[in-house]
Amino acid sequence: MGTVIGLTAIAVALLIGLGALGVGIGMGLLGGRFLEGCARQPELANMLQTKMFLVVALLDAVAMIGVGIALFFAFANPFVGQFQAAVGG
């Protein structure tokens, strides 16, 4: 049972870490493209800013969903019950 809990902890760390890495890279690319767009066409800055904030909110939502799933596995691990049923203990 210790192995199942240990592997779940590693999976939770990877889920949160890689989710944060992906969101960080995505926001960096998004911010860079936003600045490029504003430099090329300053009259569209307000429209681009609105769309950028919408996409940033969606990126953050993806990260929060990943954190929620990770916390579910950390605190209400369904794999421990399945392991105990399979072993018979």
N, C-alpha and C. Protein backbone atom coordinates (compact mmCIF):
# COMPACT_ATOMS: atom_id res chain seq x y z
N MET A 1 0.82 -1.19 0.00
CA MET A 1 0.00 0.00 0.00
C MET A 1 0.87 1.26 0.00
N GLY A 2 2.04 1.17 0.59
CA GLY A 2 2.94 2.32 0.59
C GLY A 2 3.38 2.70 -0.81
N THR A 3 3.53 1.69 -1.68
CA THR A 3 3.91 1.97 -3.06
C THR A 3 2.82 2.76 -3.79
N VAL A 4 1.57 2.37 -3.57
CA VAL A 4 0.46 3.07 -4.22
C VAL A 4 0.40 4.52 -3.77
N ILE A 5 0.58 4.76 -2.50
CA ILE A 5 0.54 6.13 -1.98
C ILE A 5 1.74 6.93 -2.50
N GLY A 6 2.91 6.31 -2.54
CA GLY A 6 4.10 6.99 -3.05
C GLY A 6 3.98 7.36 -4.52
N LEU A 7 3.50 6.42 -5.31
CA LEU A 7 3.33 6.71 -6.73
C LEU A 7 2.24 7.76 -6.97
N THR A 8 1.22 7.75 -6.13
CA THR A 8 0.19 8.79 -6.24
C THR A 8 0.77 10.16 -5.91
N ALA A 9 1.65 10.23 -4.91
CA ALA A 9 2.28 11.50 -4.56
C ALA A 9 3.14 12.01 -5.72
N ILE A 10 3.85 11.12 -6.38
CA ILE A 10 4.65 11.53 -7.54
C ILE A 10 3.74 12.02 -8.67
N ALA A 11 2.63 11.32 -8.90
CA ALA A 11 1.68 11.73 -9.94
C ALA A 11 1.08 13.09 -9.63
N VAL A 12 0.76 13.34 -8.37
CA VAL A 12 0.21 14.64 -7.97
C VAL A 12 1.24 15.74 -8.22
N ALA A 13 2.49 15.49 -7.86
CA ALA A 13 3.53 16.49 -8.08
C ALA A 13 3.73 16.78 -9.56
N LEU A 14 3.72 15.74 -10.38
CA LEU A 14 3.85 15.94 -11.82
C LEU A 14 2.66 16.68 -12.40
N LEU A 15 1.48 16.36 -11.93
CA LEU A 15 0.26 17.01 -12.43
C LEU A 15 0.29 18.50 -12.14
N ILE A 16 0.63 18.87 -10.93
CA ILE A 16 0.67 20.28 -10.57
C ILE A 16 1.85 20.98 -11.25
N GLY A 17 3.01 20.36 -11.23
CA GLY A 17 4.21 20.98 -11.79
C GLY A 17 4.14 21.18 -13.29
N LEU A 18 3.74 20.14 -14.02
CA LEU A 18 3.67 20.28 -15.47
C LEU A 18 2.52 21.18 -15.89
N GLY A 19 1.44 21.19 -15.12
CA GLY A 19 0.35 22.12 -15.40
C GLY A 19 0.80 23.57 -15.24
N ALA A 20 1.55 23.84 -14.17
CA ALA A 20 2.05 25.20 -13.95
C ALA A 20 3.07 25.58 -15.02
N LEU A 21 3.90 24.64 -15.42
CA LEU A 21 4.88 24.91 -16.48
C LEU A 21 4.20 25.25 -17.80
N GLY A 22 3.18 24.48 -18.14
CA GLY A 22 2.46 24.73 -19.39
C GLY A 22 1.75 26.08 -19.38
N VAL A 23 1.14 26.42 -18.25
CA VAL A 23 0.45 27.71 -18.16
C VAL A 23 1.46 28.85 -18.20
N GLY A 24 2.60 28.67 -17.56
CA GLY A 24 3.64 29.71 -17.60
C GLY A 24 4.15 29.96 -19.01
N ILE A 25 4.41 28.89 -19.74
CA ILE A 25 4.86 29.03 -21.13
C ILE A 25 3.76 29.66 -21.98
N GLY A 26 2.53 29.22 -21.78
CA GLY A 26 1.42 29.78 -22.55
C GLY A 26 1.22 31.26 -22.30
N MET A 27 1.31 31.67 -21.04
CA MET A 27 1.14 33.10 -20.73
C MET A 27 2.30 33.93 -21.28
N GLY A 28 3.49 33.37 -21.25
CA GLY A 28 4.64 34.08 -21.82
C GLY A 28 4.47 34.30 -23.32
N LEU A 29 4.07 33.26 -24.02
CA LEU A 29 3.83 33.40 -25.46
C LEU A 29 2.69 34.37 -25.74
N LEU A 30 1.63 34.27 -24.96
CA LEU A 30 0.48 35.15 -25.15
C LEU A 30 0.85 36.61 -24.92
N GLY A 31 1.60 36.88 -23.86
CA GLY A 31 2.01 38.26 -23.58
C GLY A 31 2.91 38.82 -24.66
N GLY A 32 3.82 37.98 -25.15
CA GLY A 32 4.71 38.43 -26.22
C GLY A 32 3.96 38.75 -27.49
N ARG A 33 3.01 37.88 -27.85
CA ARG A 33 2.23 38.14 -29.06
C ARG A 33 1.31 39.35 -28.89
N PHE A 34 0.83 39.55 -27.66
CA PHE A 34 0.00 40.74 -27.40
C PHE A 34 0.81 42.01 -27.60
N LEU A 35 2.04 42.03 -27.08
CA LEU A 35 2.88 43.21 -27.25
C LEU A 35 3.25 43.44 -28.71
N GLU A 36 3.49 42.36 -29.44
CA GLU A 36 3.78 42.49 -30.87
C GLU A 36 2.58 43.08 -31.60
N GLY A 37 1.39 42.58 -31.30
CA GLY A 37 0.19 43.10 -31.94
C GLY A 37 -0.06 44.55 -31.63
N CYS A 38 0.18 44.94 -30.38
CA CYS A 38 -0.03 46.34 -30.00
C CYS A 38 1.02 47.25 -30.64
N ALA A 39 2.23 46.74 -30.83
CA ALA A 39 3.27 47.54 -31.47
C ALA A 39 2.97 47.73 -32.96
N ARG A 40 2.40 46.72 -33.58
CA ARG A 40 2.10 46.83 -35.02
C ARG A 40 0.86 47.67 -35.29
N GLN A 41 -0.16 47.50 -34.46
CA GLN A 41 -1.41 48.25 -34.67
C GLN A 41 -1.91 48.79 -33.34
N PRO A 42 -1.41 49.94 -32.92
CA PRO A 42 -1.79 50.49 -31.61
C PRO A 42 -3.27 50.81 -31.47
N GLU A 43 -3.95 51.03 -32.60
CA GLU A 43 -5.38 51.36 -32.50
C GLU A 43 -6.23 50.17 -32.09
N LEU A 44 -5.69 48.96 -32.20
CA LEU A 44 -6.44 47.76 -31.81
C LEU A 44 -6.07 47.27 -30.40
N ALA A 45 -5.33 48.09 -29.65
CA ALA A 45 -4.82 47.65 -28.34
C ALA A 45 -5.95 47.28 -27.38
N ASN A 46 -7.03 48.05 -27.35
CA ASN A 46 -8.13 47.75 -26.41
C ASN A 46 -8.79 46.42 -26.74
N MET A 47 -9.03 46.17 -28.02
CA MET A 47 -9.66 44.90 -28.41
C MET A 47 -8.74 43.72 -28.12
N LEU A 48 -7.44 43.90 -28.42
CA LEU A 48 -6.48 42.82 -28.16
C LEU A 48 -6.34 42.56 -26.66
N GLN A 49 -6.40 43.62 -25.86
CA GLN A 49 -6.27 43.45 -24.41
C GLN A 49 -7.45 42.66 -23.86
N THR A 50 -8.65 42.94 -24.34
CA THR A 50 -9.83 42.21 -23.88
C THR A 50 -9.72 40.73 -24.22
N LYS A 51 -9.31 40.44 -25.44
CA LYS A 51 -9.16 39.03 -25.85
C LYS A 51 -8.03 38.35 -25.10
N MET A 52 -6.95 39.09 -24.82
CA MET A 52 -5.85 38.51 -24.09
C MET A 52 -6.28 38.12 -22.67
N PHE A 53 -7.04 38.99 -22.01
CA PHE A 53 -7.49 38.68 -20.65
C PHE A 53 -8.45 37.50 -20.63
N LEU A 54 -9.24 37.35 -21.66
CA LEU A 54 -10.14 36.20 -21.76
C LEU A 54 -9.34 34.90 -21.88
N VAL A 55 -8.32 34.91 -22.69
CA VAL A 55 -7.49 33.71 -22.86
C VAL A 55 -6.68 33.43 -21.59
N VAL A 56 -6.21 34.46 -20.92
CA VAL A 56 -5.49 34.27 -19.65
C VAL A 56 -6.41 33.61 -18.61
N ALA A 57 -7.66 34.03 -18.57
CA ALA A 57 -8.61 33.41 -17.64
C ALA A 57 -8.82 31.94 -17.96
N LEU A 58 -8.90 31.62 -19.25
CA LEU A 58 -9.05 30.21 -19.63
C LEU A 58 -7.81 29.40 -19.29
N LEU A 59 -6.63 29.98 -19.48
CA LEU A 59 -5.40 29.28 -19.10
C LEU A 59 -5.36 29.02 -17.60
N ASP A 60 -5.75 30.01 -16.82
CA ASP A 60 -5.77 29.82 -15.37
C ASP A 60 -6.80 28.76 -14.96
N ALA A 61 -7.90 28.70 -15.67
CA ALA A 61 -8.92 27.69 -15.36
C ALA A 61 -8.35 26.28 -15.60
N VAL A 62 -7.58 26.11 -16.65
CA VAL A 62 -6.96 24.80 -16.91
C VAL A 62 -6.03 24.42 -15.76
N ALA A 63 -5.25 25.37 -15.28
CA ALA A 63 -4.34 25.09 -14.17
C ALA A 63 -5.11 24.76 -12.89
N MET A 64 -6.19 25.47 -12.62
CA MET A 64 -6.97 25.21 -11.41
C MET A 64 -7.68 23.86 -11.47
N ILE A 65 -8.11 23.45 -12.64
CA ILE A 65 -8.71 22.13 -12.79
C ILE A 65 -7.67 21.06 -12.49
N GLY A 66 -6.46 21.26 -12.98
CA GLY A 66 -5.37 20.32 -12.68
C GLY A 66 -5.06 20.25 -11.20
N VAL A 67 -5.06 21.38 -10.53
CA VAL A 67 -4.82 21.40 -9.08
C VAL A 67 -5.96 20.69 -8.35
N GLY A 68 -7.18 20.89 -8.80
CA GLY A 68 -8.32 20.22 -8.17
C GLY A 68 -8.24 18.71 -8.31
N ILE A 69 -7.89 18.23 -9.48
CA ILE A 69 -7.74 16.79 -9.68
C ILE A 69 -6.60 16.25 -8.84
N ALA A 70 -5.50 16.99 -8.77
CA ALA A 70 -4.37 16.56 -7.97
C ALA A 70 -4.73 16.48 -6.49
N LEU A 71 -5.48 17.46 -5.99
CA LEU A 71 -5.88 17.43 -4.59
C LEU A 71 -6.85 16.28 -4.31
N PHE A 72 -7.69 15.97 -5.30
CA PHE A 72 -8.58 14.82 -5.14
C PHE A 72 -7.76 13.54 -4.96
N PHE A 73 -6.75 13.36 -5.80
CA PHE A 73 -5.92 12.16 -5.68
C PHE A 73 -5.09 12.17 -4.40
N ALA A 74 -4.72 13.36 -3.92
CA ALA A 74 -3.90 13.43 -2.71
C ALA A 74 -4.71 13.11 -1.46
N PHE A 75 -5.96 13.55 -1.39
CA PHE A 75 -6.71 13.41 -0.15
C PHE A 75 -7.81 12.35 -0.18
N ALA A 76 -8.32 12.01 -1.35
CA ALA A 76 -9.36 10.99 -1.45
C ALA A 76 -8.93 9.98 -2.50
N ASN A 77 -7.82 9.34 -2.25
CA ASN A 77 -7.19 8.47 -3.24
C ASN A 77 -8.05 7.23 -3.50
N PRO A 78 -8.63 7.10 -4.70
CA PRO A 78 -9.45 5.92 -4.98
C PRO A 78 -8.61 4.67 -5.22
N PHE A 79 -7.32 4.84 -5.49
CA PHE A 79 -6.48 3.69 -5.79
C PHE A 79 -6.15 2.87 -4.55
N VAL A 80 -6.17 3.49 -3.38
CA VAL A 80 -5.89 2.75 -2.14
C VAL A 80 -7.00 1.74 -1.88
N GLY A 81 -8.25 2.14 -2.06
CA GLY A 81 -9.37 1.22 -1.86
C GLY A 81 -9.35 0.08 -2.86
N GLN A 82 -9.00 0.36 -4.10
CA GLN A 82 -8.91 -0.70 -5.11
C GLN A 82 -7.77 -1.65 -4.78
N PHE A 83 -6.67 -1.11 -4.29
CA PHE A 83 -5.53 -1.96 -3.92
C PHE A 83 -5.87 -2.85 -2.74
N GLN A 84 -6.56 -2.30 -1.74
CA GLN A 84 -6.95 -3.11 -0.60
C GLN A 84 -7.95 -4.18 -0.97
N ALA A 85 -8.85 -3.91 -1.90
CA ALA A 85 -9.82 -4.91 -2.36
C ALA A 85 -9.12 -6.01 -3.14
N ALA A 86 -8.12 -5.65 -3.91
CA ALA A 86 -7.40 -6.66 -4.72
C ALA A 86 -6.55 -7.56 -3.85
N VAL A 87 -5.94 -6.97 -2.82
CA VAL A 87 -5.07 -7.75 -1.93
C VAL A 87 -5.92 -8.56 -0.95
N GLY A 88 -7.07 -8.02 -0.60
CA GLY A 88 -7.94 -8.69 0.35
C GLY A 88 -7.72 -8.25 1.78
N GLY A 89 -7.21 -7.08 1.94
CA GLY A 89 -6.92 -6.63 3.30
C GLY A 89 -7.54 -5.39 3.58
